Amino acid sequence: MDGLAAYLLLGAAVGFFGGLFGIGGGTLLVPVLLFLFTARHFPAAYAMHLALGTSMATIVFTALSSLYQHHRHGAVQWRVVGTLTPGILAGTAAGTTLAAVISAQALGVIFAAFVLTASLRVMLDAKPRPSRQLPGPFGLTAAGMFIGGLGALVSIGGGAIMVPFFVWCNLPLRKAIGTSAAVGFPLAAGGTLGYIIGGMQATSLPGPHLGYVYLPALLGTASASVLAAPLGARLTHRINVALLRRLFAFLLLGLAVKLVLKVF
């Protein structure tokens, strides 16, 4: 049924890792969706945009399911979430507008470069200065604009940027993951709206779709991710995730290389 089994498996993996690491899962969703859409012979000019839009819509559901579990464990810094959100929404609007006019090849290059950078930061595990703290309201708003813009442009929930940023500011890892999961919701919601609006004027899109969101894929990935995200979130608070994060970094490297080969 329209690759439903593949979408369910993908959604389960994304939900689990999203809950475990506080990331939206776009780094896994986008390349796999692009592969699946290409295999189904979707128009080359829109395959990447559809992968990005569908990924962002899935992240809405993953983030909601994940943040609830982290909140139950007291790992969400709601003051930080509230301060970041206005900047997140402004940056998301700019990112989705830019994504609608960038070629599929350029989006692929941007996404691959981002994934490579994020994975290297995880593997290097650089330690911040002990005196460093989260910036004030202005600094957090500016950070939110950057995270929202880049997150919308490459269709991630922002966790791959936010978790390293929070840890760099000496927020404990579990609180960094929980807060990142909560911030991922407004980023994904704003980004999804942008991809829907941006794809309204596109022609020859495969149906059923809502802008750049391909609905059969969203149904499969979102339903599975909502069930799997709480499992990953609970595991975050029971184990040391340092080794798992490094293993995930190697997975990101492999996906980035595959995406580059696919795009070119």
Protein backbone atom coordinates (compact mmCIF):
# COMPACT_ATOMS: atom_id res chain seq x y z
CA MET A 1 0.00 0.00 0.00
CA ASP A 2 2.09 2.88 -1.37
CA GLY A 3 5.22 1.74 0.45
CA LEU A 4 3.42 1.95 3.80
CA ALA A 5 5.65 -0.70 5.41
CA ALA A 6 8.77 1.31 4.53
CA TYR A 7 7.20 4.50 5.87
CA LEU A 8 6.23 2.76 9.13
CA LEU A 9 9.73 1.37 9.68
CA LEU A 10 11.26 4.74 8.91
CA GLY A 11 8.86 6.50 11.27
CA ALA A 12 9.63 4.07 14.08
CA ALA A 13 13.38 4.63 13.72
CA VAL A 14 12.93 8.40 13.55
CA GLY A 15 10.64 8.47 16.56
CA PHE A 16 12.99 6.39 18.68
CA PHE A 17 16.11 8.42 17.84
CA GLY A 18 14.12 11.65 18.09
CA GLY A 19 13.05 10.81 21.61
CA LEU A 20 16.49 9.53 22.60
CA PHE A 21 18.56 12.44 21.28
CA GLY A 22 16.07 15.32 21.25
CA ILE A 23 16.35 15.68 17.47
CA GLY A 24 13.49 15.97 15.04
CA GLY A 25 14.77 13.16 12.85
CA GLY A 26 15.06 15.07 9.58
CA THR A 27 18.66 13.92 9.21
CA LEU A 28 17.35 10.37 8.84
CA LEU A 29 13.98 11.14 7.26
CA VAL A 30 15.13 13.34 4.38
CA PRO A 31 17.66 11.03 2.68
CA VAL A 32 15.49 7.92 3.10
CA LEU A 33 12.35 9.70 1.85
CA LEU A 34 14.34 11.07 -1.08
CA PHE A 35 15.46 7.53 -1.91
CA LEU A 36 11.89 6.20 -1.66
CA PHE A 37 10.42 9.06 -3.70
CA THR A 38 13.07 8.67 -6.39
CA ALA A 39 12.38 4.92 -6.56
CA ARG A 40 8.72 5.76 -7.15
CA HIS A 41 9.77 8.07 -10.02
CA PHE A 42 8.56 11.29 -8.48
CA PRO A 43 9.47 14.36 -10.60
CA ALA A 44 13.17 15.06 -10.06
CA ALA A 45 12.53 18.79 -9.71
CA TYR A 46 10.28 18.21 -6.66
CA ALA A 47 11.54 15.01 -5.01
CA MET A 48 13.86 16.86 -2.61
CA HIS A 49 11.25 19.49 -1.76
CA LEU A 50 8.69 16.75 -1.04
CA ALA A 51 11.20 14.90 1.16
CA LEU A 52 11.89 18.10 3.11
CA GLY A 53 8.23 19.08 3.49
CA THR A 54 7.07 15.58 4.48
CA SER A 55 9.96 15.28 6.93
CA MET A 56 9.07 18.58 8.59
CA ALA A 57 5.42 17.55 8.95
CA THR A 58 6.44 14.24 10.56
CA ILE A 59 8.63 16.10 13.05
CA VAL A 60 5.54 17.92 14.38
CA PHE A 61 4.16 14.63 15.69
CA THR A 62 7.53 13.25 16.83
CA ALA A 63 8.28 16.42 18.81
CA LEU A 64 4.92 16.41 20.59
CA SER A 65 5.26 12.79 21.65
CA SER A 66 8.87 13.22 22.71
CA LEU A 67 8.54 16.49 24.65
CA TYR A 68 5.73 15.06 26.78
CA GLN A 69 7.98 12.28 28.08
CA HIS A 70 10.91 14.65 28.72
CA HIS A 71 8.60 17.06 30.54
CA ARG A 72 7.48 14.22 32.84
CA HIS A 73 11.14 13.75 33.80
CA GLY A 74 11.63 17.48 34.49
CA ALA A 75 14.10 17.83 31.62
CA VAL A 76 12.44 20.73 29.75
CA GLN A 77 13.63 24.27 30.53
CA TRP A 78 10.38 26.03 29.63
CA ARG A 79 11.82 29.52 30.15
CA VAL A 80 14.40 28.80 27.48
CA VAL A 81 11.72 27.35 25.19
CA GLY A 82 9.58 30.48 25.56
CA THR A 83 12.48 32.82 24.82
CA LEU A 84 13.69 30.86 21.81
CA THR A 85 10.29 30.36 20.18
CA PRO A 86 9.73 33.86 18.65
CA GLY A 87 13.15 33.71 16.99
CA ILE A 88 12.50 30.12 15.92
CA LEU A 89 9.27 31.12 14.15
CA ALA A 90 10.86 34.13 12.43
CA GLY A 91 13.82 32.06 11.26
CA THR A 92 11.55 29.24 10.12
CA ALA A 93 9.50 31.61 7.96
CA ALA A 94 12.67 32.88 6.29
CA GLY A 95 14.08 29.38 5.82
CA THR A 96 10.98 27.91 4.20
CA THR A 97 10.64 30.92 1.88
CA LEU A 98 14.24 30.45 0.77
CA ALA A 99 13.81 26.68 0.37
CA ALA A 100 10.92 27.17 -2.07
CA VAL A 101 13.16 29.00 -4.56
CA ILE A 102 16.36 26.95 -4.22
CA SER A 103 17.02 24.10 -6.67
CA ALA A 104 16.75 20.49 -5.51
CA GLN A 105 20.49 19.99 -6.10
CA ALA A 106 21.40 23.03 -4.00
CA LEU A 107 19.15 21.85 -1.16
CA GLY A 108 20.85 18.47 -1.28
CA VAL A 109 24.29 20.04 -1.00
CA ILE A 110 23.21 22.27 1.91
CA PHE A 111 21.67 19.34 3.74
CA ALA A 112 24.69 17.07 3.22
CA ALA A 113 27.09 19.79 4.41
CA PHE A 114 25.01 20.35 7.51
CA VAL A 115 24.84 16.64 8.36
CA LEU A 116 28.60 16.24 7.94
CA THR A 117 29.26 19.21 10.23
CA ALA A 118 26.84 18.01 12.90
CA SER A 119 28.27 14.49 12.93
CA LEU A 120 31.84 15.75 13.26
CA ARG A 121 30.86 17.93 16.23
CA VAL A 122 29.36 14.90 17.98
CA MET A 123 32.45 12.75 17.37
CA LEU A 124 34.94 15.44 18.48
CA ASP A 125 32.97 15.99 21.72
CA ALA A 126 34.62 19.36 22.44
CA LYS A 127 34.26 20.47 26.06
CA PRO A 128 32.93 24.01 26.76
CA ARG A 129 34.53 26.44 29.20
CA PRO A 130 33.10 25.87 32.71
CA SER A 131 32.08 29.54 32.98
CA ARG A 132 29.98 29.58 29.81
CA GLN A 133 26.21 29.91 30.30
CA LEU A 134 23.12 30.34 28.15
CA PRO A 135 22.88 33.87 26.71
CA GLY A 136 20.25 36.38 27.80
CA PRO A 137 16.89 37.00 26.07
CA PHE A 138 18.39 38.86 23.09
CA GLY A 139 21.05 36.21 22.53
CA LEU A 140 18.53 33.37 22.80
CA THR A 141 16.18 35.10 20.33
CA ALA A 142 19.04 35.53 17.85
CA ALA A 143 20.03 31.90 18.34
CA GLY A 144 16.42 30.90 17.75
CA MET A 145 16.35 32.78 14.43
CA PHE A 146 19.49 30.98 13.26
CA ILE A 147 18.28 27.56 14.42
CA GLY A 148 14.81 28.10 12.94
CA GLY A 149 16.18 29.28 9.59
CA LEU A 150 18.64 26.44 9.18
CA GLY A 151 16.21 23.88 10.59
CA ALA A 152 13.52 24.87 8.08
CA LEU A 153 15.99 25.05 5.19
CA VAL A 154 17.25 21.49 5.69
CA SER A 155 14.05 20.16 7.34
CA ILE A 156 15.27 19.14 10.78
CA GLY A 157 13.63 19.73 14.13
CA GLY A 158 16.70 21.73 15.13
CA GLY A 159 17.93 19.25 17.73
CA ALA A 160 21.15 18.52 15.87
CA ILE A 161 21.92 22.23 16.29
CA MET A 162 20.24 22.88 19.63
CA VAL A 163 21.62 19.98 21.66
CA PRO A 164 25.28 20.87 20.86
CA PHE A 165 24.45 24.56 21.48
CA PHE A 166 22.87 23.86 24.87
CA VAL A 167 25.71 21.54 25.91
CA TRP A 168 28.22 24.17 24.70
CA CYS A 169 26.46 26.54 27.15
CA ASN A 170 26.90 23.95 29.95
CA LEU A 171 23.30 22.81 30.14
CA PRO A 172 23.30 19.18 31.39
CA LEU A 173 22.94 16.72 28.54
CA ARG A 174 19.54 15.34 29.53
CA LYS A 175 18.11 18.85 29.98
CA ALA A 176 19.66 19.84 26.65
CA ILE A 177 17.91 16.90 24.96
CA GLY A 178 14.55 17.55 26.68
CA THR A 179 14.57 21.29 25.96
CA SER A 180 15.59 20.66 22.36
CA ALA A 181 12.66 18.28 21.93
CA ALA A 182 10.25 20.96 23.19
CA VAL A 183 11.68 23.70 20.95
CA GLY A 184 11.42 21.31 18.00
CA PHE A 185 7.63 21.55 18.03
CA PRO A 186 7.17 25.25 17.11
CA LEU A 187 10.02 24.95 14.61
CA ALA A 188 8.39 21.98 12.90
CA ALA A 189 4.89 23.51 12.99
CA GLY A 190 6.07 26.75 11.41
CA GLY A 191 8.22 24.90 8.89
CA THR A 192 5.39 22.60 7.85
CA LEU A 193 3.11 25.56 7.18
CA GLY A 194 5.84 27.12 5.06
CA TYR A 195 6.33 23.99 2.96
CA ILE A 196 2.56 23.65 2.47
CA ILE A 197 2.24 27.24 1.27
CA GLY A 198 5.43 27.04 -0.81
CA GLY A 199 4.17 23.99 -2.70
CA MET A 200 0.65 25.25 -3.41
CA GLN A 201 1.64 26.70 -6.79
CA ALA A 202 3.77 23.74 -7.88
CA THR A 203 2.43 21.66 -10.75
CA SER A 204 2.82 17.93 -11.49
CA LEU A 205 3.19 16.97 -7.83
CA PRO A 206 2.26 13.34 -7.05
CA GLY A 207 -0.92 12.98 -5.03
CA PRO A 208 -2.36 12.95 -2.57
CA HIS A 209 -0.36 15.88 -1.25
CA LEU A 210 -0.71 19.14 0.66
CA GLY A 211 1.80 21.53 -0.83
CA TYR A 212 5.19 19.84 -0.50
CA VAL A 213 3.85 17.35 2.08
CA TYR A 214 3.21 13.89 0.58
CA LEU A 215 0.33 12.58 2.68
CA PRO A 216 0.76 8.76 2.37
CA ALA A 217 4.34 9.07 3.62
CA LEU A 218 3.27 11.41 6.41
CA LEU A 219 0.59 8.96 7.55
CA GLY A 220 3.08 6.09 7.85
CA THR A 221 6.03 7.94 9.36
CA ALA A 222 4.04 10.06 11.80
CA SER A 223 1.90 7.22 13.18
CA ALA A 224 4.95 5.06 13.89
CA SER A 225 7.09 7.90 15.23
CA VAL A 226 4.45 8.90 17.79
CA LEU A 227 4.53 5.39 19.22
CA ALA A 228 8.33 5.04 19.19
CA ALA A 229 9.33 8.52 20.46
CA PRO A 230 8.30 7.90 24.10
CA LEU A 231 10.44 4.74 24.17
CA GLY A 232 13.53 6.69 23.14
CA ALA A 233 12.72 9.56 25.52
CA ARG A 234 12.39 7.19 28.48
CA LEU A 235 15.67 5.51 27.58
CA THR A 236 17.44 8.90 27.64
CA HIS A 237 16.82 9.12 31.38
CA ARG A 238 17.99 5.58 32.13
CA ILE A 239 21.30 5.18 30.31
CA ASN A 240 24.48 7.04 29.41
CA VAL A 241 23.85 8.20 25.84
CA ALA A 242 27.42 9.27 24.96
CA LEU A 243 28.26 6.05 23.11
CA LEU A 244 24.92 5.97 21.32
CA ARG A 245 25.38 9.58 20.17
CA ARG A 246 28.76 8.70 18.66
CA LEU A 247 27.29 5.69 16.88
CA PHE A 248 24.53 7.91 15.56
CA ALA A 249 27.17 10.35 14.28
CA PHE A 250 28.63 7.56 12.11
CA LEU A 251 25.13 6.88 10.80
CA LEU A 252 24.80 10.55 9.88
CA LEU A 253 28.10 10.44 8.01
CA GLY A 254 26.92 7.47 5.97
CA LEU A 255 23.62 9.15 5.15
CA ALA A 256 25.37 12.36 4.10
CA VAL A 257 27.71 10.52 1.75
CA LYS A 258 24.79 8.58 0.26
CA LEU A 259 22.84 11.80 -0.25
CA VAL A 260 25.75 13.50 -2.02
CA LEU A 261 26.08 10.53 -4.39
CA LYS A 262 22.32 10.58 -4.99
CA VAL A 263 22.17 14.30 -5.75
CA PHE A 264 25.08 14.21 -8.18
